[in-house]
Amino acid sequence: MKNNFDTKFFQKKKFENKTIFKYFRNAAKDLGIAFRSKEPEVIFNFSYSALVKIGIVLIAVCGYRVRSKVGHHIKILGKLSQILNNKNIEILGDKMRKKRNLDLYEGGIIISQKEAKDYLNFVKGIIKKAEEYLKNQKSLF
């Protein structure tokens, strides 16, 4: 699969496997926090964080580092969607991103328990697919 990386948002970089493992563990840690929480806002925020972080992991596997600039979460979600060949990542991920932004910049939002759990299960599935992708890469996992 040919992935084009916009140099405005991504910088070519070779990562060691131990760094990729560290990034993966960080995403898994956030997912674990989301699973252990009972608070919908905590579940939602840590699910979103895990989704973005798993995107960073797969981008690193492709040999790129994410540049931190306005709009980089959109690019991470789009690239994750492309790498895993799953358009829902971009669609639902962007919906999560917008909700997170409303919560941060517009005075807060209400996340229902059901909505939080639905997002959590979605992200859990994406991380599982990412893990399968990583296992299929030479010299990883």
Protein backbone atom coordinates (compact mmCIF):
# COMPACT_ATOMS: atom_id res chain seq x y z
CA MET A 1 0.00 0.00 0.00
CA LYS A 2 1.38 3.39 -1.01
CA ASN A 3 0.93 6.06 1.63
CA ASN A 4 1.68 9.65 0.77
CA PHE A 5 2.80 11.74 3.71
CA ASP A 6 2.32 15.52 3.55
CA THR A 7 5.68 16.98 4.62
CA LYS A 8 3.85 19.90 6.22
CA PHE A 9 2.50 17.48 8.85
CA PHE A 10 4.91 14.54 8.72
CA GLN A 11 8.70 14.35 8.86
CA LYS A 12 10.65 11.32 7.60
CA LYS A 13 12.25 9.53 10.54
CA LYS A 14 13.41 6.01 11.30
CA PHE A 15 12.21 4.66 14.64
CA GLU A 16 13.73 1.82 16.62
CA ASN A 17 11.39 -1.03 17.52
CA LYS A 18 11.75 -0.24 21.23
CA THR A 19 10.45 3.28 20.58
CA ILE A 20 7.47 1.93 18.65
CA PHE A 21 6.75 -0.50 21.52
CA LYS A 22 6.92 2.41 23.97
CA TYR A 23 4.44 4.39 21.86
CA PHE A 24 2.14 1.36 21.62
CA ARG A 25 2.23 0.78 25.39
CA ASN A 26 1.33 4.44 25.91
CA ALA A 27 -1.75 4.10 23.68
CA ALA A 28 -2.72 0.85 25.44
CA LYS A 29 -2.27 2.56 28.84
CA ASP A 30 -4.78 5.26 27.85
CA LEU A 31 -7.23 2.62 26.65
CA GLY A 32 -6.84 0.83 30.00
CA ILE A 33 -7.61 4.04 31.90
CA ALA A 34 -10.74 4.47 29.77
CA PHE A 35 -11.84 0.89 30.52
CA ARG A 36 -11.29 1.22 34.26
CA SER A 37 -13.16 4.51 34.58
CA LYS A 38 -16.83 4.93 35.34
CA GLU A 39 -16.94 8.61 34.35
CA PRO A 40 -18.17 9.12 30.75
CA GLU A 41 -15.93 12.15 30.19
CA VAL A 42 -12.84 10.24 31.34
CA ILE A 43 -13.79 7.24 29.18
CA PHE A 44 -14.29 9.52 26.19
CA ASN A 45 -11.12 11.59 26.60
CA PHE A 46 -8.83 8.64 27.18
CA SER A 47 -10.45 6.73 24.29
CA TYR A 48 -9.76 9.66 21.99
CA SER A 49 -6.22 9.95 23.29
CA ALA A 50 -5.62 6.23 22.66
CA LEU A 51 -6.95 6.59 19.11
CA VAL A 52 -4.61 9.48 18.30
CA LYS A 53 -1.67 7.70 19.93
CA ILE A 54 -2.24 4.48 17.98
CA GLY A 55 -2.25 6.62 14.84
CA ILE A 56 1.13 8.00 15.87
CA VAL A 57 2.38 4.42 16.34
CA LEU A 58 1.40 3.32 12.83
CA ILE A 59 2.75 6.51 11.30
CA ALA A 60 6.06 5.80 13.07
CA VAL A 61 6.06 2.26 11.65
CA CYS A 62 5.75 3.84 8.20
CA GLY A 63 8.88 5.86 8.96
CA TYR A 64 7.38 9.24 9.80
CA ARG A 65 7.11 11.51 12.81
CA VAL A 66 4.06 13.73 13.28
CA ARG A 67 4.77 17.46 13.31
CA SER A 68 2.84 19.25 16.03
CA LYS A 69 0.90 22.02 14.31
CA VAL A 70 -2.67 23.20 13.87
CA GLY A 71 -4.70 20.41 12.30
CA HIS A 72 -2.31 17.58 13.06
CA HIS A 73 -4.95 15.44 14.81
CA ILE A 74 -7.05 15.53 11.64
CA LYS A 75 -4.02 14.37 9.65
CA ILE A 76 -3.22 11.61 12.17
CA LEU A 77 -6.78 10.26 12.02
CA GLY A 78 -6.80 10.44 8.22
CA LYS A 79 -3.50 8.61 7.97
CA LEU A 80 -4.60 5.96 10.50
CA SER A 81 -7.75 5.46 8.43
CA GLN A 82 -5.64 5.08 5.29
CA ILE A 83 -3.08 2.69 6.83
CA LEU A 84 -5.77 0.39 8.26
CA ASN A 85 -7.98 0.87 5.21
CA ASN A 86 -10.99 1.80 7.34
CA LYS A 87 -12.87 5.00 6.47
CA ASN A 88 -14.83 4.82 9.75
CA ILE A 89 -11.67 5.77 11.64
CA GLU A 90 -11.56 9.10 9.87
CA ILE A 91 -15.33 9.67 10.23
CA LEU A 92 -15.80 8.65 13.88
CA GLY A 93 -12.36 9.89 14.88
CA ASP A 94 -13.17 13.33 13.51
CA LYS A 95 -16.51 13.28 15.34
CA MET A 96 -14.60 12.51 18.55
CA ARG A 97 -12.07 15.25 17.78
CA LYS A 98 -14.84 17.81 17.31
CA LYS A 99 -16.53 16.79 20.57
CA ARG A 100 -13.21 17.03 22.39
CA ASN A 101 -12.65 20.51 20.95
CA LEU A 102 -16.13 21.63 22.02
CA ASP A 103 -15.38 20.34 25.50
CA LEU A 104 -12.01 22.14 25.64
CA TYR A 105 -12.81 25.41 23.90
CA GLU A 106 -16.57 25.92 24.16
CA GLY A 107 -17.30 25.41 27.84
CA GLY A 108 -17.85 21.66 27.96
CA ILE A 109 -20.18 19.03 26.59
CA ILE A 110 -22.22 16.18 28.01
CA ILE A 111 -21.11 12.67 27.08
CA SER A 112 -23.60 9.95 27.95
CA GLN A 113 -22.47 6.65 29.44
CA LYS A 114 -23.70 4.85 26.29
CA GLU A 115 -21.89 7.24 23.96
CA ALA A 116 -18.67 6.92 25.97
CA LYS A 117 -18.87 3.11 25.89
CA ASP A 118 -19.62 3.10 22.14
CA TYR A 119 -16.52 5.22 21.47
CA LEU A 120 -14.47 3.05 23.81
CA ASN A 121 -15.50 -0.13 21.99
CA PHE A 122 -14.78 1.50 18.63
CA VAL A 123 -11.27 2.50 19.73
CA LYS A 124 -10.67 -0.94 21.27
CA GLY A 125 -11.44 -2.47 17.87
CA ILE A 126 -9.09 -0.06 16.10
CA ILE A 127 -6.26 -0.83 18.50
CA LYS A 128 -6.85 -4.54 17.92
CA LYS A 129 -6.62 -3.97 14.13
CA ALA A 130 -3.49 -1.87 14.65
CA GLU A 131 -1.93 -4.67 16.68
CA GLU A 132 -2.67 -7.13 13.86
CA TYR A 133 -1.12 -4.69 11.39
CA LEU A 134 2.00 -4.42 13.57
CA LYS A 135 2.30 -8.20 13.85
CA ASN A 136 2.28 -8.41 10.04
CA GLN A 137 5.19 -5.99 9.75
CA LYS A 138 8.66 -7.49 9.50
CA SER A 139 10.65 -7.37 12.73
CA LEU A 140 7.80 -5.91 14.80
CA PHE A 141 5.91 -7.60 17.64
